[in-house]
């Protein structure tokens, strides 16, 4: 199935190791000498409502892409550094 780069934009990226949603594709990287795609790029998380900027972009190598579906891209990358931190409640910190 042939797709254009424009078709990849805004597809949801999910890690198949733990089901974590990493974000949506907003750019791709490709090798200019042979024209092959080398990576997909997801925007980094915003810091303090976007007023302080964003974290670094998430670059996922093409070799870690398993499946490209209609709305979702499944990847095998280690999602741990990109997972959102959860806040603990007051009582959880006291235990």
Protein backbone atom coordinates (compact mmCIF):
# COMPACT_ATOMS: atom_id res chain seq x y z
CA UNK A 1 0.00 0.00 0.00
CA UNK A 2 1.47 3.32 -1.05
CA UNK A 3 1.12 6.36 1.18
CA UNK A 4 2.28 9.93 0.93
CA UNK A 5 4.16 11.74 3.67
CA UNK A 6 1.09 13.91 4.16
CA UNK A 7 -0.84 10.72 5.01
CA UNK A 8 1.58 9.97 7.87
CA UNK A 9 1.09 13.34 9.55
CA UNK A 10 -1.21 13.39 12.57
CA UNK A 11 -1.31 9.60 12.95
CA UNK A 12 -1.26 8.44 16.55
CA UNK A 13 1.91 6.59 17.60
CA UNK A 14 1.52 3.78 20.16
CA UNK A 15 4.23 1.67 21.79
CA UNK A 16 3.30 -2.01 21.53
CA UNK A 17 5.45 -2.98 24.53
CA UNK A 18 3.21 -1.24 27.06
CA UNK A 19 0.38 0.44 25.12
CA UNK A 20 1.62 3.95 25.88
CA UNK A 21 0.45 6.64 23.45
CA UNK A 22 3.56 8.63 22.53
CA UNK A 23 1.84 11.34 20.49
CA UNK A 24 1.11 12.24 16.89
CA UNK A 25 3.53 12.38 13.96
CA UNK A 26 4.27 15.91 12.82
CA UNK A 27 7.43 15.42 10.76
CA UNK A 28 9.60 12.77 9.11
CA UNK A 29 13.32 12.45 8.41
CA UNK A 30 14.67 10.99 5.20
CA UNK A 31 18.02 10.28 3.58
CA UNK A 32 18.56 12.62 0.65
CA UNK A 33 20.97 10.32 -1.15
CA UNK A 34 18.58 7.38 -1.56
CA UNK A 35 15.21 8.96 -0.70
CA UNK A 36 14.35 6.49 2.09
CA UNK A 37 12.55 7.52 5.25
CA UNK A 38 14.82 7.14 8.27
CA UNK A 39 12.66 8.29 11.19
CA UNK A 40 9.37 9.78 12.31
CA UNK A 41 9.30 12.80 14.60
CA UNK A 42 6.80 13.53 17.37
CA UNK A 43 6.67 16.87 19.19
CA UNK A 44 8.03 16.94 22.74
CA UNK A 45 5.70 17.60 25.65
CA UNK A 46 4.92 21.19 26.54
CA UNK A 47 6.40 22.62 29.71
CA UNK A 48 4.12 24.65 31.97
CA UNK A 49 1.26 25.10 29.52
CA UNK A 50 3.67 25.84 26.68
CA UNK A 51 4.87 29.10 28.21
CA UNK A 52 8.37 27.76 28.88
CA UNK A 53 8.60 25.85 25.60
CA UNK A 54 8.70 22.13 24.98
CA UNK A 55 10.88 19.16 25.75
CA UNK A 56 13.02 17.70 22.97
CA UNK A 57 11.23 16.11 20.02
CA UNK A 58 10.83 12.33 20.05
CA UNK A 59 12.64 10.79 17.08
CA UNK A 60 11.72 7.16 16.36
CA UNK A 61 13.95 5.31 13.88
CA UNK A 62 12.21 3.68 10.92
CA UNK A 63 13.55 0.27 12.03
CA UNK A 64 11.39 0.45 15.18
CA UNK A 65 8.12 0.90 13.28
CA UNK A 66 6.14 -2.35 13.22
CA UNK A 67 2.80 -1.47 11.58
CA UNK A 68 1.34 1.58 9.89
CA UNK A 69 -2.45 1.45 10.06
CA UNK A 70 -5.23 3.77 8.93
CA UNK A 71 -5.08 5.94 12.07
CA UNK A 72 -2.29 4.48 14.20
CA UNK A 73 1.41 3.63 13.93
CA UNK A 74 2.69 0.85 16.20
CA UNK A 75 6.31 1.07 17.33
CA UNK A 76 8.62 -1.04 19.50
CA UNK A 77 10.69 1.81 20.93
CA UNK A 78 11.34 2.06 24.66
CA UNK A 79 8.57 4.41 25.76
CA UNK A 80 9.74 4.83 29.35
CA UNK A 81 11.46 8.23 28.88
CA UNK A 82 8.39 9.62 27.10
CA UNK A 83 5.67 8.45 29.50
CA UNK A 84 3.81 11.15 31.36
CA UNK A 85 4.65 11.45 35.01
CA UNK A 86 1.70 10.82 37.32
CA UNK A 87 1.13 12.91 40.39
CA UNK A 88 0.68 11.11 43.67
CA UNK A 89 -2.07 12.15 46.02
CA UNK A 90 -1.41 13.62 49.44
CA UNK A 91 -2.07 10.36 51.27
CA UNK A 92 0.11 8.30 48.93
CA UNK A 93 3.13 10.43 49.81
CA UNK A 94 2.59 9.87 53.54
CA UNK A 95 2.85 6.08 53.39
